[in-house]
Amino acid sequence: MGEKLICNNKKAWHEYFIEEKFEAGIVLTGTEVKSLRMGRGNLNDAFAQFRGGEAFLNNLHISPYAFGNRENHDPDQMRKLLLHKREIVKLFSRIREQGYTLIPLRLYFKEGRVKVELGLAKGKKMYDKREDLKKKDHQRDIAQAAKEHRKG
């Protein structure tokens, strides 16, 4: 069994420099897992924070399960992340540094379990974002020119 992507946080790569990645489990209810199997997750505004020596994921939107009953979950509730104690200590000490934050990059199934890829990130300035867009445009132009050359 490989990995099945549920959702991606494309905005994170535009808004932040991702310096390090971590994989974490996440505590979910049955209807949340069923909803994620249908691809109903959204990471766009999500972020991780620490409380009482534990890591939590905020603003992860998992749509209510369509066939659920009154036991259905709250779509925007705070969800606990499953990390080793030494990872929590390491991440917490890095986040206390100026400008660092912990954001989810993608949500996926790995061997039947839901996993979150977290990125230790530092915010980009406006000029950094413009540089990235210029590089992306340049790469697209090169790829297009190579494609035309092969046809030619």
Protein backbone atom coordinates (compact mmCIF):
# COMPACT_ATOMS: atom_id res chain seq x y z
CA MET A 1 0.00 0.00 0.00
CA GLY A 2 1.32 3.41 -0.94
CA GLU A 3 0.14 6.89 -0.23
CA LYS A 4 -3.17 8.37 -1.35
CA LEU A 5 -3.26 12.16 -1.34
CA ILE A 6 -6.36 13.71 0.24
CA CYS A 7 -5.52 17.40 -0.11
CA ASN A 8 -2.57 19.69 -0.67
CA ASN A 9 -1.73 23.15 0.69
CA LYS A 10 -0.43 24.89 -2.44
CA LYS A 11 -0.69 28.29 -0.80
CA ALA A 12 1.90 27.28 1.80
CA TRP A 13 4.67 27.02 -0.79
CA HIS A 14 3.84 30.50 -2.06
CA GLU A 15 3.57 32.15 1.37
CA TYR A 16 6.45 30.45 3.24
CA PHE A 17 9.98 29.10 2.95
CA ILE A 18 9.67 25.46 4.04
CA GLU A 19 12.84 24.55 5.93
CA GLU A 20 12.04 21.12 7.36
CA LYS A 21 9.24 18.55 6.99
CA PHE A 22 7.72 16.22 9.59
CA GLU A 23 5.13 13.46 9.35
CA ALA A 24 2.49 13.28 12.07
CA GLY A 25 -0.58 11.21 12.76
CA ILE A 26 -3.85 12.89 13.61
CA VAL A 27 -6.66 11.94 16.00
CA LEU A 28 -9.95 11.68 14.08
CA THR A 29 -13.45 10.30 14.59
CA GLY A 30 -15.04 7.72 12.28
CA THR A 31 -17.12 10.20 10.31
CA GLU A 32 -14.06 12.41 9.76
CA VAL A 33 -12.14 9.50 8.24
CA LYS A 34 -15.10 8.57 6.03
CA SER A 35 -15.39 12.16 4.86
CA LEU A 36 -11.65 12.27 4.09
CA ARG A 37 -11.92 9.04 2.09
CA MET A 38 -14.39 10.96 -0.09
CA GLY A 39 -11.75 13.72 -0.50
CA ARG A 40 -13.57 16.33 1.61
CA GLY A 41 -10.66 18.01 3.42
CA ASN A 42 -9.25 21.54 3.16
CA LEU A 43 -5.87 22.71 4.52
CA ASN A 44 -5.82 26.29 3.21
CA ASP A 45 -5.96 28.23 6.49
CA ALA A 46 -4.73 25.47 8.79
CA PHE A 47 -1.84 25.86 11.25
CA ALA A 48 -0.38 23.91 14.17
CA GLN A 49 0.07 25.15 17.71
CA PHE A 50 1.26 23.77 21.03
CA ARG A 51 -0.72 23.60 24.28
CA GLY A 52 0.29 21.78 27.42
CA GLY A 53 3.10 19.86 25.75
CA GLU A 54 0.86 18.59 22.94
CA ALA A 55 0.49 19.64 19.30
CA PHE A 56 -2.88 20.57 17.79
CA LEU A 57 -4.02 21.38 14.27
CA ASN A 58 -6.39 24.35 13.92
CA ASN A 59 -8.60 25.38 10.99
CA LEU A 60 -8.38 22.01 9.23
CA HIS A 61 -11.79 21.86 7.56
CA ILE A 62 -13.25 18.37 7.13
CA SER A 63 -16.74 18.57 5.64
CA PRO A 64 -19.48 16.70 7.55
CA TYR A 65 -20.01 13.14 6.34
CA ALA A 66 -22.97 13.10 3.96
CA PHE A 67 -24.42 9.86 5.39
CA GLY A 68 -23.70 10.75 9.02
CA ASN A 69 -26.31 11.15 11.73
CA ARG A 70 -26.47 13.30 14.85
CA GLU A 71 -23.06 11.91 15.84
CA ASN A 72 -21.46 13.74 12.90
CA HIS A 73 -18.33 15.81 13.68
CA ASP A 74 -17.80 19.57 13.88
CA PRO A 75 -16.05 20.55 10.58
CA ASP A 76 -13.59 23.07 12.07
CA GLN A 77 -12.74 21.57 15.46
CA MET A 78 -9.19 21.51 16.82
CA ARG A 79 -7.52 18.13 16.20
CA LYS A 80 -4.65 16.58 18.14
CA LEU A 81 -1.46 15.68 16.28
CA LEU A 82 0.41 12.51 17.14
CA LEU A 83 4.14 13.22 17.42
CA HIS A 84 6.94 11.77 19.52
CA LYS A 85 7.81 13.79 22.61
CA ARG A 86 11.28 14.66 21.29
CA GLU A 87 9.73 15.95 18.04
CA ILE A 88 7.30 18.12 20.00
CA VAL A 89 10.14 19.56 22.11
CA LYS A 90 12.27 20.22 19.00
CA LEU A 91 9.42 21.88 17.10
CA PHE A 92 8.27 23.93 20.08
CA SER A 93 11.78 25.31 20.63
CA ARG A 94 12.11 26.18 16.91
CA ILE A 95 8.70 27.89 16.80
CA ARG A 96 9.60 30.12 19.73
CA GLU A 97 12.31 31.57 17.49
CA GLN A 98 11.36 34.69 15.58
CA GLY A 99 9.34 34.18 12.40
CA TYR A 100 8.86 30.40 12.45
CA THR A 101 5.51 28.65 12.23
CA LEU A 102 4.30 25.10 11.75
CA ILE A 103 1.91 24.60 8.85
CA PRO A 104 0.38 21.48 7.27
CA LEU A 105 1.57 20.90 3.71
CA ARG A 106 -0.54 17.90 2.76
CA LEU A 107 -3.00 15.39 4.16
CA TYR A 108 -2.81 11.79 2.94
CA PHE A 109 -3.55 8.14 3.70
CA LYS A 110 -0.53 5.97 4.43
CA GLU A 111 -1.21 2.27 5.01
CA GLY A 112 -4.84 3.06 5.84
CA ARG A 113 -4.06 5.78 8.38
CA VAL A 114 -4.45 9.53 7.92
CA LYS A 115 -1.15 11.40 8.10
CA VAL A 116 -0.28 15.09 7.97
CA GLU A 117 2.96 16.42 6.51
CA LEU A 118 3.96 19.44 8.56
CA GLY A 119 6.43 22.05 7.41
CA LEU A 120 8.58 24.19 9.67
CA ALA A 121 8.21 27.45 7.79
CA LYS A 122 9.37 31.02 7.77
CA GLY A 123 7.18 33.69 6.16
CA LYS A 124 8.18 35.18 2.81
CA LYS A 125 8.34 38.88 2.15
CA MET A 126 6.56 40.38 -0.85
CA TYR A 127 9.76 40.63 -2.91
CA ASP A 128 10.47 36.92 -2.29
CA LYS A 129 7.05 36.03 -3.69
CA ARG A 130 7.69 38.16 -6.79
CA GLU A 131 11.06 36.42 -7.30
CA ASP A 132 9.37 33.02 -7.14
CA LEU A 133 6.78 34.07 -9.71
CA LYS A 134 9.54 35.32 -12.05
CA LYS A 135 11.38 31.99 -11.73
CA LYS A 136 8.18 30.05 -12.36
CA ASP A 137 7.42 32.12 -15.48
CA HIS A 138 10.98 31.67 -16.71
CA GLN A 139 10.80 27.88 -16.24
CA ARG A 140 7.48 27.79 -18.09
CA ASP A 141 8.98 29.77 -21.00
CA ILE A 142 11.95 27.41 -21.19
CA ALA A 143 9.69 24.34 -21.16
CA GLN A 144 7.49 25.85 -23.88
CA ALA A 145 10.50 26.71 -26.04
CA ALA A 146 11.86 23.17 -25.65
CA LYS A 147 8.47 21.75 -26.62
CA GLU A 148 8.35 23.95 -29.75
CA HIS A 149 11.91 22.93 -30.62
CA ARG A 150 11.04 19.21 -30.41
CA LYS A 151 8.00 19.71 -32.68
CA GLY A 152 9.97 21.85 -35.13
